[in-house]
Amino acid sequence: MFCDRCGGLMLPRDRRLICQRCGAVAGIENEDDYKIVSRGERKEGVVVVDEEVRTLPTTRAECPRCGNMEAEWWLLQTRKADEAETRFYRCTRCRYTWREYQ
């Protein structure tokens, strides 16, 4: 239920509804309609991710360093807006990065 005065959330306490924002009080007509369910205990933990998550698209391109035939790629505007963008590649094996001008 929401407060008529300020629109804040009203929670049940001591058989009354109390606004969490302004403190307005309202009566409860049917107690079965209003229950506070306590939250479970919070479990704290650390998630360790061993793998690197790769989100870039891959293509068939030969790495100049190791000869691998797969690379991630992305485009970046490195010069003026009226010139073509630069395509960057990163080898999926040795992680070497090189560029290709269009």
C-alpha atoms as a PDB file:
ATOM      1  CA  MET A   1       0.000   0.000   0.000  1.00  0.00           C
ATOM      2  CA  PHE A   2       1.191   3.528  -0.699  1.00  0.00           C
ATOM      3  CA  CYS A   3       0.868   6.669   1.425  1.00  0.00           C
ATOM      4  CA  ASP A   4      -1.924   9.087   0.496  1.00  0.00           C
ATOM      5  CA  ARG A   5       0.174  12.043   1.650  1.00  0.00           C
ATOM      6  CA  CYS A   6       3.554  11.489  -0.063  1.00  0.00           C
ATOM      7  CA  GLY A   7       3.208   8.329  -2.171  1.00  0.00           C
ATOM      8  CA  GLY A   8       5.834   6.456  -0.108  1.00  0.00           C
ATOM      9  CA  LEU A   9       5.666   2.755   0.678  1.00  0.00           C
ATOM     10  CA  MET A  10       3.664   1.872   3.797  1.00  0.00           C
ATOM     11  CA  LEU A  11       4.811  -1.189   5.729  1.00  0.00           C
ATOM     12  CA  PRO A  12       2.988  -2.969   8.571  1.00  0.00           C
ATOM     13  CA  ARG A  13       4.332  -2.491  12.107  1.00  0.00           C
ATOM     14  CA  ASP A  14       2.509  -3.015  15.404  1.00  0.00           C
ATOM     15  CA  ARG A  15      -0.825  -3.682  13.656  1.00  0.00           C
ATOM     16  CA  ARG A  16      -0.646  -0.384  11.736  1.00  0.00           C
ATOM     17  CA  LEU A  17       0.681   0.725   8.363  1.00  0.00           C
ATOM     18  CA  ILE A  18       3.522   3.258   8.645  1.00  0.00           C
ATOM     19  CA  CYS A  19       4.877   5.273   5.727  1.00  0.00           C
ATOM     20  CA  GLN A  20       8.612   4.771   5.288  1.00  0.00           C
ATOM     21  CA  ARG A  21       9.094   8.277   3.902  1.00  0.00           C
ATOM     22  CA  CYS A  22       6.917  10.696   5.924  1.00  0.00           C
ATOM     23  CA  GLY A  23       5.816   8.555   8.903  1.00  0.00           C
ATOM     24  CA  ALA A  24       2.073   8.768   8.236  1.00  0.00           C
ATOM     25  CA  VAL A  25       0.031   6.094  10.022  1.00  0.00           C
ATOM     26  CA  ALA A  26      -2.992   4.151   8.697  1.00  0.00           C
ATOM     27  CA  GLY A  27      -5.000   1.331  10.197  1.00  0.00           C
ATOM     28  CA  ILE A  28      -4.970  -2.258   8.931  1.00  0.00           C
ATOM     29  CA  GLU A  29      -8.370  -3.634   7.992  1.00  0.00           C
ATOM     30  CA  ASN A  30      -7.385  -7.274   7.457  1.00  0.00           C
ATOM     31  CA  GLU A  31      -4.107  -8.437   9.019  1.00  0.00           C
ATOM     32  CA  ASP A  32      -3.882 -11.482   6.734  1.00  0.00           C
ATOM     33  CA  ASP A  33      -3.381  -9.181   3.720  1.00  0.00           C
ATOM     34  CA  TYR A  34      -0.250  -7.593   5.191  1.00  0.00           C
ATOM     35  CA  LYS A  35       2.756  -9.722   6.026  1.00  0.00           C
ATOM     36  CA  ILE A  36       6.441  -8.951   6.062  1.00  0.00           C
ATOM     37  CA  VAL A  37       8.409 -11.904   4.816  1.00  0.00           C
ATOM     38  CA  SER A  38      11.940 -11.823   6.155  1.00  0.00           C
ATOM     39  CA  ARG A  39      14.732 -12.264   3.709  1.00  0.00           C
ATOM     40  CA  GLY A  40      17.032 -15.250   3.937  1.00  0.00           C
ATOM     41  CA  GLU A  41      20.550 -14.925   5.164  1.00  0.00           C
ATOM     42  CA  ARG A  42      22.879 -13.354   2.643  1.00  0.00           C
ATOM     43  CA  LYS A  43      25.731 -15.562   1.593  1.00  0.00           C
ATOM     44  CA  GLU A  44      28.871 -13.657   0.821  1.00  0.00           C
ATOM     45  CA  GLY A  45      31.285 -15.191  -1.602  1.00  0.00           C
ATOM     46  CA  VAL A  46      33.820 -14.463  -4.237  1.00  0.00           C
ATOM     47  CA  VAL A  47      33.359 -15.677  -7.782  1.00  0.00           C
ATOM     48  CA  VAL A  48      36.619 -16.487  -9.527  1.00  0.00           C
ATOM     49  CA  VAL A  49      36.562 -16.679 -13.295  1.00  0.00           C
ATOM     50  CA  ASP A  50      39.538 -18.538 -14.686  1.00  0.00           C
ATOM     51  CA  GLU A  51      38.676 -18.033 -18.329  1.00  0.00           C
ATOM     52  CA  GLU A  52      38.824 -14.806 -20.253  1.00  0.00           C
ATOM     53  CA  VAL A  53      35.443 -13.875 -21.698  1.00  0.00           C
ATOM     54  CA  ARG A  54      35.782 -12.928 -25.342  1.00  0.00           C
ATOM     55  CA  THR A  55      33.052 -10.812 -26.836  1.00  0.00           C
ATOM     56  CA  LEU A  56      34.654  -9.565 -30.057  1.00  0.00           C
ATOM     57  CA  PRO A  57      33.830 -11.199 -33.392  1.00  0.00           C
ATOM     58  CA  THR A  58      36.464 -13.439 -34.970  1.00  0.00           C
ATOM     59  CA  THR A  59      37.571 -13.799 -38.557  1.00  0.00           C
ATOM     60  CA  ARG A  60      40.077 -15.721 -40.644  1.00  0.00           C
ATOM     61  CA  ALA A  61      43.247 -13.608 -40.705  1.00  0.00           C
ATOM     62  CA  GLU A  62      46.892 -14.654 -40.464  1.00  0.00           C
ATOM     63  CA  CYS A  63      48.808 -13.371 -37.469  1.00  0.00           C
ATOM     64  CA  PRO A  64      52.114 -11.789 -38.605  1.00  0.00           C
ATOM     65  CA  ARG A  65      53.826 -12.933 -35.394  1.00  0.00           C
ATOM     66  CA  CYS A  66      52.795 -16.596 -34.895  1.00  0.00           C
ATOM     67  CA  GLY A  67      50.966 -17.546 -38.136  1.00  0.00           C
ATOM     68  CA  ASN A  68      47.689 -18.418 -36.390  1.00  0.00           C
ATOM     69  CA  MET A  69      44.740 -18.133 -38.799  1.00  0.00           C
ATOM     70  CA  GLU A  70      42.095 -16.740 -36.399  1.00  0.00           C
ATOM     71  CA  ALA A  71      41.847 -13.212 -35.013  1.00  0.00           C
ATOM     72  CA  GLU A  72      39.350 -11.001 -33.208  1.00  0.00           C
ATOM     73  CA  TRP A  73      38.588  -7.738 -35.000  1.00  0.00           C
ATOM     74  CA  TRP A  74      37.037  -4.311 -34.375  1.00  0.00           C
ATOM     75  CA  LEU A  75      36.747  -0.986 -36.209  1.00  0.00           C
ATOM     76  CA  LEU A  76      37.868   2.381 -34.864  1.00  0.00           C
ATOM     77  CA  GLN A  77      37.731   5.856 -36.359  1.00  0.00           C
ATOM     78  CA  THR A  78      41.370   6.940 -35.913  1.00  0.00           C
ATOM     79  CA  ARG A  79      41.495   9.749 -38.457  1.00  0.00           C
ATOM     80  CA  LYS A  80      39.073  12.426 -39.643  1.00  0.00           C
ATOM     81  CA  ALA A  81      35.417  11.533 -39.977  1.00  0.00           C
ATOM     82  CA  ASP A  82      35.478  11.749 -43.777  1.00  0.00           C
ATOM     83  CA  GLU A  83      38.216   9.069 -44.003  1.00  0.00           C
ATOM     84  CA  ALA A  84      37.753   5.325 -43.686  1.00  0.00           C
ATOM     85  CA  GLU A  85      37.983   3.658 -40.294  1.00  0.00           C
ATOM     86  CA  THR A  86      40.906   1.479 -39.207  1.00  0.00           C
ATOM     87  CA  ARG A  87      40.356  -2.247 -38.688  1.00  0.00           C
ATOM     88  CA  PHE A  88      42.247  -3.759 -35.758  1.00  0.00           C
ATOM     89  CA  TYR A  89      43.012  -7.467 -35.361  1.00  0.00           C
ATOM     90  CA  ARG A  90      44.107  -9.408 -32.273  1.00  0.00           C
ATOM     91  CA  CYS A  91      45.438 -12.946 -32.599  1.00  0.00           C
ATOM     92  CA  THR A  92      43.433 -15.484 -30.608  1.00  0.00           C
ATOM     93  CA  ARG A  93      46.587 -17.481 -29.805  1.00  0.00           C
ATOM     94  CA  CYS A  94      49.400 -15.006 -28.964  1.00  0.00           C
ATOM     95  CA  ARG A  95      47.201 -11.868 -28.431  1.00  0.00           C
ATOM     96  CA  TYR A  96      49.359  -9.794 -30.828  1.00  0.00           C
ATOM     97  CA  THR A  97      47.425  -6.752 -32.147  1.00  0.00           C
ATOM     98  CA  TRP A  98      47.895  -5.233 -35.592  1.00  0.00           C
ATOM     99  CA  ARG A  99      45.938  -2.838 -37.788  1.00  0.00           C
ATOM    100  CA  GLU A 100      44.781  -2.664 -41.367  1.00  0.00           C
ATOM    101  CA  TYR A 101      43.980   0.651 -43.001  1.00  0.00           C
ATOM    102  CA  GLN A 102      41.086   0.599 -45.467  1.00  0.00           C
END
